[in-house]
Amino acid sequence: MSFKLEGPVLEGALVRLEPLEHRHAAELAVAAEEDRGTYAYTWVPRADEVGSYVDQQLARAATGRLAPYVQVSVATGRAVGATSYWEPRSWLTDDRLDAVEVGFTWLARSAQGTGINAEAKLLLFRHAFEEWGVSRVDLKTDARNERSRAAIQSVGARFEGVLRNWSRSWAPGEDGRLRDSAIFSITAAEWPERRARLEERVARRCEVG
């Protein structure tokens, strides 16, 4: 396909999504070490691995198949996590994006439950549906990861099923093993209603904050 993922800065009231650069490494290292107990099935680099993590993500970005972001808290101006567009797919014409995944997502413990995840998804979904014109956005997680599955459903994605032995496991101690993946999606037809719900949720969080 000729479509190359390139993610622009996406600005919200709670979070600013900035394309990942090496300058973000120091703050990501701090964020990743806050409380690793929430990362049971998600691979998040240790502080001393962040440099190579950034290198790997930028290498993937160079292929046009990944657009990596850092999640920057608007309140503090500090990077508190990461996310990405991933796996662009074109089915009708090579220069049109028909579907994309949102993944490689993690947040520091202090940023969880603050509305940052909801607004980040709002920004990513809105750009994908309204600027790129996709028909579908995918999200997936380790089928055992109940916390992640609940978070994905909370932003309006529909559970579609579990694909067995779908991808490598990112769980600690499971190198070389495959995992079952829980698959979720939002379609273009569903997006207007999902957008309204996410906007209301973010607005309530802004009022509280």
N, C-alpha and C. Protein backbone atom coordinates (compact mmCIF):
# COMPACT_ATOMS: atom_id res chain seq x y z
N MET A 1 0.84 -1.19 0.00
CA MET A 1 0.00 0.00 0.00
C MET A 1 0.88 1.24 0.00
N SER A 2 0.35 2.33 -0.55
CA SER A 2 1.13 3.56 -0.64
C SER A 2 0.85 4.51 0.52
N PHE A 3 -0.23 4.28 1.29
CA PHE A 3 -0.55 5.16 2.40
C PHE A 3 0.46 4.96 3.52
N LYS A 4 1.06 6.04 3.97
CA LYS A 4 2.03 6.00 5.06
C LYS A 4 1.45 6.71 6.28
N LEU A 5 1.48 6.04 7.42
CA LEU A 5 0.98 6.66 8.64
C LEU A 5 1.89 7.80 9.08
N GLU A 6 1.32 8.97 9.25
CA GLU A 6 2.03 10.13 9.80
C GLU A 6 1.06 10.84 10.74
N GLY A 7 1.35 10.82 12.02
CA GLY A 7 0.44 11.39 12.99
C GLY A 7 0.80 12.82 13.34
N PRO A 8 -0.10 13.77 13.15
CA PRO A 8 0.16 15.15 13.56
C PRO A 8 -0.03 15.32 15.06
N VAL A 9 0.40 16.43 15.61
CA VAL A 9 0.09 16.76 17.01
C VAL A 9 -1.42 16.84 17.16
N LEU A 10 -1.94 16.21 18.20
CA LEU A 10 -3.37 16.24 18.49
C LEU A 10 -3.55 16.82 19.89
N GLU A 11 -4.27 17.93 19.97
CA GLU A 11 -4.34 18.71 21.22
C GLU A 11 -5.71 18.62 21.84
N GLY A 12 -5.76 18.29 23.13
CA GLY A 12 -7.00 18.28 23.88
C GLY A 12 -6.91 19.14 25.12
N ALA A 13 -7.92 19.06 25.96
CA ALA A 13 -7.93 19.84 27.20
C ALA A 13 -7.11 19.17 28.29
N LEU A 14 -7.03 17.84 28.26
CA LEU A 14 -6.31 17.08 29.29
C LEU A 14 -4.99 16.52 28.80
N VAL A 15 -4.93 16.20 27.51
CA VAL A 15 -3.75 15.54 26.96
C VAL A 15 -3.38 16.12 25.61
N ARG A 16 -2.09 16.17 25.35
CA ARG A 16 -1.57 16.53 24.03
C ARG A 16 -0.78 15.35 23.51
N LEU A 17 -1.15 14.88 22.35
CA LEU A 17 -0.44 13.77 21.73
C LEU A 17 0.61 14.33 20.78
N GLU A 18 1.88 14.07 21.11
CA GLU A 18 3.00 14.56 20.31
C GLU A 18 3.70 13.38 19.66
N PRO A 19 4.08 13.49 18.38
CA PRO A 19 4.87 12.42 17.77
C PRO A 19 6.11 12.13 18.60
N LEU A 20 6.35 10.86 18.83
CA LEU A 20 7.46 10.42 19.68
C LEU A 20 8.80 10.87 19.12
N GLU A 21 9.65 11.42 20.02
CA GLU A 21 11.01 11.80 19.66
C GLU A 21 11.94 11.39 20.81
N HIS A 22 13.24 11.40 20.53
CA HIS A 22 14.20 11.04 21.57
C HIS A 22 14.14 11.99 22.76
N ARG A 23 13.72 13.24 22.55
CA ARG A 23 13.67 14.20 23.65
C ARG A 23 12.67 13.80 24.72
N HIS A 24 11.76 12.88 24.40
CA HIS A 24 10.75 12.45 25.37
C HIS A 24 11.25 11.33 26.28
N ALA A 25 12.42 10.78 25.99
CA ALA A 25 12.86 9.56 26.66
C ALA A 25 12.97 9.72 28.18
N ALA A 26 13.53 10.81 28.64
CA ALA A 26 13.75 10.97 30.08
C ALA A 26 12.43 10.98 30.84
N GLU A 27 11.44 11.68 30.34
CA GLU A 27 10.15 11.74 31.03
C GLU A 27 9.41 10.41 30.93
N LEU A 28 9.52 9.72 29.82
CA LEU A 28 8.91 8.40 29.70
C LEU A 28 9.54 7.41 30.67
N ALA A 29 10.84 7.54 30.89
CA ALA A 29 11.52 6.65 31.83
C ALA A 29 10.96 6.83 33.23
N VAL A 30 10.70 8.06 33.62
CA VAL A 30 10.11 8.33 34.94
C VAL A 30 8.69 7.77 35.00
N ALA A 31 7.90 8.03 33.96
CA ALA A 31 6.51 7.58 33.93
C ALA A 31 6.41 6.06 34.01
N ALA A 32 7.29 5.37 33.31
CA ALA A 32 7.23 3.92 33.24
C ALA A 32 7.51 3.24 34.57
N GLU A 33 8.20 3.92 35.47
CA GLU A 33 8.61 3.30 36.73
C GLU A 33 7.70 3.67 37.91
N GLU A 34 6.63 4.42 37.67
CA GLU A 34 5.80 4.87 38.80
C GLU A 34 5.22 3.70 39.61
N ASP A 35 4.54 2.80 38.94
CA ASP A 35 3.94 1.64 39.60
C ASP A 35 3.72 0.58 38.53
N ARG A 36 4.62 -0.37 38.45
CA ARG A 36 4.57 -1.34 37.37
C ARG A 36 3.57 -2.46 37.62
N GLY A 37 2.90 -2.42 38.75
CA GLY A 37 1.90 -3.43 39.04
C GLY A 37 0.70 -3.39 38.13
N THR A 38 0.51 -2.29 37.40
CA THR A 38 -0.64 -2.17 36.49
C THR A 38 -0.32 -2.68 35.09
N TYR A 39 0.88 -3.17 34.85
CA TYR A 39 1.30 -3.55 33.50
C TYR A 39 1.41 -5.07 33.32
N ALA A 40 0.58 -5.84 34.00
CA ALA A 40 0.75 -7.29 34.04
C ALA A 40 0.86 -7.94 32.67
N TYR A 41 0.05 -7.53 31.71
CA TYR A 41 0.06 -8.15 30.39
C TYR A 41 0.49 -7.19 29.29
N THR A 42 0.94 -6.02 29.65
CA THR A 42 1.34 -5.00 28.68
C THR A 42 2.84 -4.78 28.79
N TRP A 43 3.53 -4.76 27.64
CA TRP A 43 4.96 -4.50 27.69
C TRP A 43 5.20 -2.99 27.78
N VAL A 44 5.81 -2.59 28.88
CA VAL A 44 6.21 -1.20 29.09
C VAL A 44 7.70 -1.22 29.41
N PRO A 45 8.51 -0.42 28.72
CA PRO A 45 9.96 -0.50 28.95
C PRO A 45 10.34 -0.09 30.36
N ARG A 46 11.39 -0.70 30.90
CA ARG A 46 12.00 -0.22 32.13
C ARG A 46 12.73 1.08 31.80
N ALA A 47 13.09 1.82 32.85
CA ALA A 47 13.73 3.12 32.63
C ALA A 47 14.98 2.99 31.76
N ASP A 48 15.76 1.93 32.00
CA ASP A 48 17.00 1.79 31.23
C ASP A 48 16.78 1.20 29.83
N GLU A 49 15.52 0.88 29.50
CA GLU A 49 15.19 0.36 28.18
C GLU A 49 14.51 1.40 27.29
N VAL A 50 14.21 2.57 27.84
CA VAL A 50 13.42 3.55 27.09
C VAL A 50 14.15 4.03 25.84
N GLY A 51 15.46 4.20 25.92
CA GLY A 51 16.20 4.64 24.74
C GLY A 51 16.05 3.68 23.58
N SER A 52 16.19 2.38 23.85
CA SER A 52 16.04 1.39 22.78
C SER A 52 14.58 1.26 22.36
N TYR A 53 13.65 1.46 23.30
CA TYR A 53 12.22 1.46 22.98
C TYR A 53 11.91 2.56 21.96
N VAL A 54 12.43 3.76 22.19
CA VAL A 54 12.22 4.86 21.25
C VAL A 54 12.83 4.52 19.90
N ASP A 55 14.03 3.97 19.91
CA ASP A 55 14.67 3.57 18.65
C ASP A 55 13.80 2.58 17.88
N GLN A 56 13.26 1.60 18.58
CA GLN A 56 12.44 0.57 17.93
C GLN A 56 11.16 1.17 17.35
N GLN A 57 10.52 2.05 18.11
CA GLN A 57 9.28 2.66 17.62
C GLN A 57 9.55 3.56 16.41
N LEU A 58 10.63 4.30 16.45
CA LEU A 58 10.96 5.16 15.32
C LEU A 58 11.34 4.34 14.09
N ALA A 59 11.96 3.18 14.30
CA ALA A 59 12.27 2.29 13.17
C ALA A 59 10.98 1.78 12.54
N ARG A 60 10.02 1.42 13.38
CA ARG A 60 8.73 1.00 12.84
C ARG A 60 8.05 2.15 12.11
N ALA A 61 8.16 3.35 12.68
CA ALA A 61 7.55 4.52 12.04
C ALA A 61 8.13 4.76 10.65
N ALA A 62 9.42 4.47 10.48
CA ALA A 62 10.08 4.70 9.19
C ALA A 62 9.50 3.81 8.09
N THR A 63 8.86 2.70 8.47
CA THR A 63 8.24 1.82 7.48
C THR A 63 6.89 2.35 7.01
N GLY A 64 6.35 3.36 7.71
CA GLY A 64 5.04 3.88 7.37
C GLY A 64 3.89 3.11 7.98
N ARG A 65 4.20 2.12 8.82
CA ARG A 65 3.15 1.28 9.40
C ARG A 65 2.86 1.60 10.86
N LEU A 66 3.55 2.59 11.41
CA LEU A 66 3.34 2.99 12.80
C LEU A 66 3.50 4.49 12.91
N ALA A 67 2.61 5.13 13.67
CA ALA A 67 2.76 6.54 14.00
C ALA A 67 2.74 6.64 15.52
N PRO A 68 3.92 6.64 16.16
CA PRO A 68 3.99 6.60 17.62
C PRO A 68 3.84 7.98 18.25
N TYR A 69 3.15 8.01 19.37
CA TYR A 69 2.91 9.25 20.11
C TYR A 69 3.38 9.11 21.55
N VAL A 70 3.70 10.24 22.16
CA VAL A 70 3.74 10.33 23.61
C VAL A 70 2.47 11.04 24.06
N GLN A 71 1.98 10.65 25.24
CA GLN A 71 0.83 11.31 25.84
C GLN A 71 1.38 12.30 26.87
N VAL A 72 1.14 13.57 26.62
CA VAL A 72 1.65 14.63 27.48
C VAL A 72 0.49 15.22 28.28
N SER A 73 0.62 15.21 29.59
CA SER A 73 -0.39 15.82 30.45
C SER A 73 -0.39 17.33 30.24
N VAL A 74 -1.54 17.88 29.89
CA VAL A 74 -1.63 19.32 29.72
C VAL A 74 -1.41 20.03 31.06
N ALA A 75 -1.86 19.41 32.15
CA ALA A 75 -1.75 20.03 33.47
C ALA A 75 -0.30 20.20 33.91
N THR A 76 0.54 19.22 33.60
CA THR A 76 1.93 19.26 34.07
C THR A 76 2.95 19.52 32.97
N GLY A 77 2.54 19.31 31.72
CA GLY A 77 3.48 19.47 30.61
C GLY A 77 4.47 18.33 30.48
N ARG A 78 4.23 17.23 31.20
CA ARG A 78 5.17 16.11 31.20
C ARG A 78 4.57 14.90 30.46
N ALA A 79 5.44 14.14 29.82
CA ALA A 79 5.03 12.91 29.16
C ALA A 79 4.63 11.88 30.21
N VAL A 80 3.45 11.28 30.05
CA VAL A 80 2.94 10.34 31.04
C VAL A 80 2.63 8.97 30.42
N GLY A 81 2.97 8.79 29.15
CA GLY A 81 2.70 7.51 28.53
C GLY A 81 2.87 7.58 27.02
N ALA A 82 2.43 6.54 26.37
CA ALA A 82 2.61 6.44 24.93
C ALA A 82 1.39 5.79 24.30
N THR A 83 1.23 5.98 23.01
CA THR A 83 0.19 5.31 22.23
C THR A 83 0.58 5.43 20.76
N SER A 84 -0.16 4.79 19.88
CA SER A 84 0.22 4.80 18.46
C SER A 84 -0.96 4.49 17.57
N TYR A 85 -0.87 4.96 16.34
CA TYR A 85 -1.61 4.36 15.24
C TYR A 85 -0.74 3.22 14.71
N TRP A 86 -1.39 2.15 14.25
CA TRP A 86 -0.64 0.95 13.89
C TRP A 86 -1.43 0.14 12.85
N GLU A 87 -0.73 -0.60 12.04
CA GLU A 87 -1.32 -1.53 11.08
C GLU A 87 -2.34 -0.88 10.14
N PRO A 88 -1.92 0.08 9.32
CA PRO A 88 -2.85 0.67 8.35
C PRO A 88 -3.23 -0.38 7.30
N ARG A 89 -4.49 -0.34 6.89
CA ARG A 89 -4.95 -1.30 5.88
C ARG A 89 -5.77 -0.59 4.82
N SER A 90 -5.48 -0.90 3.58
CA SER A 90 -6.20 -0.36 2.43
C SER A 90 -6.76 -1.52 1.63
N TRP A 91 -8.06 -1.53 1.44
CA TRP A 91 -8.70 -2.64 0.74
C TRP A 91 -9.21 -2.24 -0.65
N LEU A 92 -9.59 -0.97 -0.80
CA LEU A 92 -10.22 -0.55 -2.05
C LEU A 92 -9.22 0.06 -3.02
N THR A 93 -8.43 1.01 -2.54
CA THR A 93 -7.38 1.61 -3.36
C THR A 93 -6.14 1.78 -2.50
N ASP A 94 -4.98 1.75 -3.11
CA ASP A 94 -3.73 1.79 -2.35
C ASP A 94 -3.51 3.10 -1.62
N ASP A 95 -4.09 4.20 -2.12
CA ASP A 95 -3.81 5.51 -1.51
C ASP A 95 -4.89 5.94 -0.53
N ARG A 96 -5.84 5.05 -0.23
CA ARG A 96 -6.90 5.37 0.74
C ARG A 96 -6.76 4.46 1.94
N LEU A 97 -6.85 5.02 3.13
CA LEU A 97 -6.78 4.24 4.36
C LEU A 97 -8.18 3.80 4.74
N ASP A 98 -8.39 2.50 4.82
CA ASP A 98 -9.72 1.98 5.15
C ASP A 98 -9.84 1.57 6.62
N ALA A 99 -8.73 1.18 7.25
CA ALA A 99 -8.78 0.74 8.65
C ALA A 99 -7.42 0.95 9.27
N VAL A 100 -7.43 1.16 10.59
CA VAL A 100 -6.17 1.35 11.32
C VAL A 100 -6.40 0.89 12.75
N GLU A 101 -5.34 0.48 13.39
CA GLU A 101 -5.41 0.07 14.80
C GLU A 101 -4.85 1.18 15.69
N VAL A 102 -5.41 1.31 16.88
CA VAL A 102 -4.82 2.13 17.93
C VAL A 102 -4.25 1.17 18.96
N GLY A 103 -2.95 1.27 19.20
CA GLY A 103 -2.31 0.33 20.10
C GLY A 103 -1.01 0.84 20.68
N PHE A 104 -0.18 -0.07 21.21
CA PHE A 104 1.06 0.29 21.88
C PHE A 104 0.80 1.34 22.97
N THR A 105 -0.31 1.18 23.68
CA THR A 105 -0.75 2.20 24.63
C THR A 105 -0.37 1.83 26.06
N TRP A 106 0.19 2.78 26.77
CA TRP A 106 0.39 2.63 28.21
C TRP A 106 0.42 4.01 28.86
N LEU A 107 0.06 4.03 30.13
CA LEU A 107 0.03 5.27 30.91
C LEU A 107 0.67 5.04 32.28
N ALA A 108 1.36 6.05 32.76
CA ALA A 108 1.86 6.03 34.13
C ALA A 108 0.69 5.85 35.10
N ARG A 109 0.97 5.23 36.23
CA ARG A 109 -0.11 4.97 37.20
C ARG A 109 -0.82 6.25 37.59
N SER A 110 -0.11 7.33 37.77
CA SER A 110 -0.74 8.58 38.21
C SER A 110 -1.65 9.18 37.16
N ALA A 111 -1.50 8.78 35.90
CA ALA A 111 -2.34 9.31 34.81
C ALA A 111 -3.56 8.45 34.54
N GLN A 112 -3.58 7.26 35.12
CA GLN A 112 -4.72 6.37 34.90
C GLN A 112 -5.93 6.85 35.70
N GLY A 113 -7.09 6.80 35.08
CA GLY A 113 -8.31 7.23 35.75
C GLY A 113 -8.49 8.73 35.82
N THR A 114 -7.70 9.48 35.06
CA THR A 114 -7.77 10.95 35.09
C THR A 114 -8.53 11.54 33.91
N GLY A 115 -8.95 10.71 32.98
CA GLY A 115 -9.59 11.20 31.76
C GLY A 115 -8.62 11.31 30.59
N ILE A 116 -7.33 11.15 30.86
CA ILE A 116 -6.35 11.27 29.78
C ILE A 116 -6.56 10.17 28.74
N ASN A 117 -6.80 8.94 29.19
CA ASN A 117 -7.01 7.86 28.22
C ASN A 117 -8.22 8.12 27.35
N ALA A 118 -9.32 8.54 27.97
CA ALA A 118 -10.55 8.80 27.21
C ALA A 118 -10.33 9.90 26.17
N GLU A 119 -9.66 10.98 26.58
CA GLU A 119 -9.46 12.06 25.62
C GLU A 119 -8.46 11.68 24.54
N ALA A 120 -7.43 10.94 24.90
CA ALA A 120 -6.49 10.48 23.89
C ALA A 120 -7.19 9.65 22.83
N LYS A 121 -8.08 8.75 23.27
CA LYS A 121 -8.83 7.94 22.31
C LYS A 121 -9.75 8.81 21.47
N LEU A 122 -10.38 9.80 22.09
CA LEU A 122 -11.23 10.73 21.34
C LEU A 122 -10.43 11.41 20.23
N LEU A 123 -9.24 11.90 20.56
CA LEU A 123 -8.41 12.59 19.58
C LEU A 123 -7.98 11.65 18.46
N LEU A 124 -7.56 10.45 18.82
CA LEU A 124 -7.09 9.49 17.82
C LEU A 124 -8.23 9.01 16.93
N PHE A 125 -9.34 8.67 17.54
CA PHE A 125 -10.49 8.21 16.75
C PHE A 125 -10.98 9.32 15.82
N ARG A 126 -11.11 10.53 16.35
CA ARG A 126 -11.63 11.64 15.55
C ARG A 126 -10.75 11.90 14.32
N HIS A 127 -9.44 11.88 14.53
CA HIS A 127 -8.55 12.11 13.39
C HIS A 127 -8.68 10.98 12.37
N ALA A 128 -8.75 9.75 12.85
CA ALA A 128 -8.84 8.61 11.94
C ALA A 128 -10.13 8.64 11.13
N PHE A 129 -11.26 8.87 11.79
CA PHE A 129 -12.54 8.86 11.09
C PHE A 129 -12.78 10.13 10.27
N GLU A 130 -12.41 11.28 10.81
CA GLU A 130 -12.82 12.54 10.19
C GLU A 130 -11.77 13.16 9.28
N GLU A 131 -10.52 12.82 9.46
CA GLU A 131 -9.46 13.33 8.59
C GLU A 131 -9.02 12.27 7.58
N TRP A 132 -8.79 11.06 8.04
CA TRP A 132 -8.37 9.99 7.13
C TRP A 132 -9.55 9.30 6.47
N GLY A 133 -10.73 9.39 7.08
CA GLY A 133 -11.91 8.77 6.50
C GLY A 133 -11.94 7.26 6.59
N VAL A 134 -11.39 6.69 7.67
CA VAL A 134 -11.37 5.24 7.78
C VAL A 134 -12.79 4.70 8.01
N SER A 135 -12.95 3.45 7.69
CA SER A 135 -14.22 2.76 7.93
C SER A 135 -14.24 2.04 9.26
N ARG A 136 -13.04 1.87 9.85
CA ARG A 136 -12.95 1.05 11.05
C ARG A 136 -11.68 1.39 11.81
N VAL A 137 -11.77 1.43 13.14
CA VAL A 137 -10.61 1.51 14.02
C VAL A 137 -10.61 0.26 14.90
N ASP A 138 -9.46 -0.41 14.96
CA ASP A 138 -9.31 -1.62 15.77
C ASP A 138 -8.58 -1.31 17.07
N LEU A 139 -8.87 -2.08 18.09
CA LEU A 139 -8.08 -2.12 19.32
C LEU A 139 -8.01 -3.58 19.75
N LYS A 140 -6.87 -4.01 20.30
CA LYS A 140 -6.78 -5.37 20.78
C LYS A 140 -5.89 -5.42 22.02
N THR A 141 -6.08 -6.48 22.79
CA THR A 141 -5.30 -6.65 24.01
C THR A 141 -5.21 -8.13 24.34
N ASP A 142 -4.30 -8.48 25.21
CA ASP A 142 -4.21 -9.84 25.71
C ASP A 142 -5.58 -10.23 26.29
N ALA A 143 -6.10 -11.36 25.87
CA ALA A 143 -7.43 -11.77 26.30
C ALA A 143 -7.54 -11.91 27.82
N ARG A 144 -6.41 -12.10 28.51
CA ARG A 144 -6.42 -12.24 29.97
C ARG A 144 -6.43 -10.90 30.69
N ASN A 145 -6.23 -9.81 29.94
CA ASN A 145 -6.04 -8.49 30.55
C ASN A 145 -7.40 -7.81 30.79
N GLU A 146 -8.01 -8.14 31.91
CA GLU A 146 -9.34 -7.60 32.21
C GLU A 146 -9.33 -6.09 32.36
N ARG A 147 -8.27 -5.54 32.94
CA ARG A 147 -8.18 -4.09 33.10
C ARG A 147 -8.19 -3.39 31.74
N SER A 148 -7.38 -3.89 30.82
CA SER A 148 -7.31 -3.30 29.49
C SER A 148 -8.60 -3.48 28.72
N ARG A 149 -9.21 -4.65 28.83
CA ARG A 149 -10.47 -4.89 28.13
C ARG A 149 -11.55 -3.93 28.61
N ALA A 150 -11.60 -3.71 29.93
CA ALA A 150 -12.59 -2.77 30.47
C ALA A 150 -12.33 -1.36 29.98
N ALA A 151 -11.06 -0.95 29.93
CA ALA A 151 -10.72 0.38 29.46
C ALA A 151 -11.09 0.57 28.00
N ILE A 152 -10.87 -0.45 27.18
CA ILE A 152 -11.22 -0.36 25.76
C ILE A 152 -12.73 -0.25 25.59
N GLN A 153 -13.46 -1.06 26.32
CA GLN A 153 -14.92 -0.99 26.21
C GLN A 153 -15.45 0.34 26.73
N SER A 154 -14.77 0.92 27.71
CA SER A 154 -15.24 2.17 28.28
C SER A 154 -15.16 3.34 27.29
N VAL A 155 -14.33 3.22 26.25
CA VAL A 155 -14.25 4.30 25.26
C VAL A 155 -15.14 4.01 24.05
N GLY A 156 -15.99 3.00 24.16
CA GLY A 156 -17.01 2.79 23.15
C GLY A 156 -16.71 1.71 22.12
N ALA A 157 -15.60 0.99 22.26
CA ALA A 157 -15.28 -0.05 21.28
C ALA A 157 -16.10 -1.31 21.57
N ARG A 158 -16.50 -1.98 20.51
CA ARG A 158 -17.31 -3.19 20.63
C ARG A 158 -16.42 -4.42 20.60
N PHE A 159 -16.66 -5.33 21.53
CA PHE A 159 -15.92 -6.59 21.59
C PHE A 159 -16.38 -7.48 20.45
N GLU A 160 -15.43 -8.01 19.69
CA GLU A 160 -15.76 -8.85 18.55
C GLU A 160 -15.41 -10.32 18.74
N GLY A 161 -14.56 -10.60 19.71
CA GLY A 161 -14.19 -11.99 19.93
C GLY A 161 -12.73 -12.14 20.29
N VAL A 162 -12.32 -13.38 20.50
CA VAL A 162 -10.94 -13.70 20.85
C VAL A 162 -10.32 -14.50 19.71
N LEU A 163 -9.17 -14.04 19.23
CA LEU A 163 -8.41 -14.76 18.22
C LEU A 163 -7.29 -15.51 18.93
N ARG A 164 -7.30 -16.82 18.81
CA ARG A 164 -6.38 -17.67 19.55
C ARG A 164 -4.99 -17.68 18.90
N ASN A 165 -3.96 -17.64 19.77
CA ASN A 165 -2.57 -17.63 19.29
C ASN A 165 -2.35 -16.56 18.22
N TRP A 166 -2.90 -15.37 18.49
CA TRP A 166 -2.94 -14.33 17.47
C TRP A 166 -1.63 -13.56 17.34
N SER A 167 -0.93 -13.36 18.45
CA SER A 167 0.30 -12.57 18.38
C SER A 167 1.22 -12.97 19.52
N ARG A 168 2.40 -12.40 19.53
CA ARG A 168 3.35 -12.69 20.60
C ARG A 168 2.82 -12.19 21.94
N SER A 169 3.19 -12.86 22.99
CA SER A 169 2.83 -12.40 24.32
C SER A 169 3.81 -11.33 24.78
N TRP A 170 3.26 -10.29 25.42
CA TRP A 170 4.09 -9.23 26.00
C TRP A 170 4.17 -9.36 27.51
N ALA A 171 3.53 -10.39 28.06
CA ALA A 171 3.52 -10.56 29.51
C ALA A 171 4.91 -10.92 30.01
N PRO A 172 5.30 -10.39 31.17
CA PRO A 172 6.62 -10.74 31.73
C PRO A 172 6.79 -12.24 31.88
N GLY A 173 7.95 -12.73 31.47
CA GLY A 173 8.26 -14.14 31.60
C GLY A 173 7.68 -15.01 30.50
N GLU A 174 7.07 -14.40 29.49
CA GLU A 174 6.46 -15.19 28.42
C GLU A 174 7.12 -14.95 27.07
N ASP A 175 8.39 -14.62 27.06
CA ASP A 175 9.12 -14.46 25.81
C ASP A 175 9.04 -15.74 25.00
N GLY A 176 8.80 -15.60 23.70
CA GLY A 176 8.74 -16.76 22.83
C GLY A 176 7.40 -17.48 22.84
N ARG A 177 6.42 -16.94 23.57
CA ARG A 177 5.11 -17.56 23.60
C ARG A 177 4.10 -16.71 22.85
N LEU A 178 3.01 -17.33 22.44
CA LEU A 178 1.92 -16.62 21.77
C LEU A 178 0.79 -16.37 22.76
N ARG A 179 0.00 -15.36 22.46
CA ARG A 179 -1.15 -15.05 23.32
C ARG A 179 -2.43 -15.10 22.50
N ASP A 180 -3.55 -15.24 23.20
CA ASP A 180 -4.87 -15.02 22.61
C ASP A 180 -5.17 -13.53 22.72
N SER A 181 -5.71 -12.96 21.65
CA SER A 181 -5.99 -11.51 21.62
C SER A 181 -7.49 -11.25 21.58
N ALA A 182 -7.96 -10.38 22.47
CA ALA A 182 -9.34 -9.91 22.45
C ALA A 182 -9.41 -8.73 21.48
N ILE A 183 -10.33 -8.81 20.51
CA ILE A 183 -10.41 -7.83 19.43
C ILE A 183 -11.64 -6.95 19.64
N PHE A 184 -11.44 -5.65 19.48
CA PHE A 184 -12.50 -4.66 19.61
C PHE A 184 -12.45 -3.73 18.39
N SER A 185 -13.56 -3.05 18.13
CA SER A 185 -13.56 -2.08 17.02
C SER A 185 -14.63 -1.02 17.20
N ILE A 186 -14.45 0.06 16.48
CA ILE A 186 -15.48 1.07 16.24
C ILE A 186 -15.55 1.26 14.74
N THR A 187 -16.75 1.32 14.18
CA THR A 187 -16.92 1.54 12.75
C THR A 187 -17.35 2.98 12.49
N ALA A 188 -17.23 3.37 11.24
CA ALA A 188 -17.60 4.74 10.86
C ALA A 188 -19.07 5.03 11.18
N ALA A 189 -19.94 4.04 10.99
CA ALA A 189 -21.36 4.24 11.28
C ALA A 189 -21.61 4.48 12.76
N GLU A 190 -20.79 3.88 13.61
CA GLU A 190 -20.94 4.03 15.06
C GLU A 190 -20.28 5.30 15.59
N TRP A 191 -19.37 5.86 14.83
CA TRP A 191 -18.53 6.93 15.35
C TRP A 191 -19.30 8.14 15.88
N PRO A 192 -20.31 8.70 15.18
CA PRO A 192 -20.97 9.90 15.72
C PRO A 192 -21.50 9.71 17.15
N GLU A 193 -22.12 8.56 17.42
CA GLU A 193 -22.63 8.31 18.77
C GLU A 193 -21.49 8.13 19.77
N ARG A 194 -20.44 7.40 19.36
CA ARG A 194 -19.29 7.19 20.24
C ARG A 194 -18.58 8.52 20.52
N ARG A 195 -18.48 9.36 19.51
CA ARG A 195 -17.84 10.66 19.71
C ARG A 195 -18.60 11.48 20.75
N ALA A 196 -19.93 11.52 20.65
CA ALA A 196 -20.73 12.30 21.60
C ALA A 196 -20.52 11.79 23.02
N ARG A 197 -20.49 10.47 23.20
CA ARG A 197 -20.30 9.90 24.53
C ARG A 197 -18.92 10.23 25.08
N LEU A 198 -17.89 10.15 24.24
CA LEU A 198 -16.55 10.46 24.70
C LEU A 198 -16.41 11.94 25.04
N GLU A 199 -17.00 12.80 24.22
CA GLU A 199 -16.94 14.24 24.50
C GLU A 199 -17.61 14.57 25.83
N GLU A 200 -18.74 13.93 26.11
CA GLU A 200 -19.42 14.15 27.39
C GLU A 200 -18.56 13.67 28.55
N ARG A 201 -17.94 12.53 28.36
CA ARG A 201 -17.09 11.97 29.43
C ARG A 201 -15.90 12.88 29.72
N VAL A 202 -15.26 13.37 28.68
CA VAL A 202 -14.11 14.25 28.86
C VAL A 202 -14.55 15.57 29.48
N ALA A 203 -15.70 16.09 29.05
CA ALA A 203 -16.20 17.35 29.61
C ALA A 203 -16.46 17.22 31.11
N ARG A 204 -17.02 16.09 31.54
CA ARG A 204 -17.26 15.87 32.96
C ARG A 204 -15.95 15.82 33.73
N ARG A 205 -14.94 15.18 33.16
CA ARG A 205 -13.65 15.10 33.82
C ARG A 205 -13.02 16.47 33.94
N CYS A 206 -13.17 17.29 32.90
CA CYS A 206 -12.61 18.65 32.95
C CYS A 206 -13.28 19.48 34.02
N GLU A 207 -14.60 19.29 34.20
CA GLU A 207 -15.31 20.03 35.24
C GLU A 207 -14.85 19.62 36.64
N VAL A 208 -14.61 18.33 36.80
CA VAL A 208 -14.14 17.81 38.10
C VAL A 208 -12.73 18.30 38.36
N GLY A 209 -11.88 18.22 37.30
CA GLY A 209 -10.47 18.61 37.47
C GLY A 209 -10.28 20.08 37.63
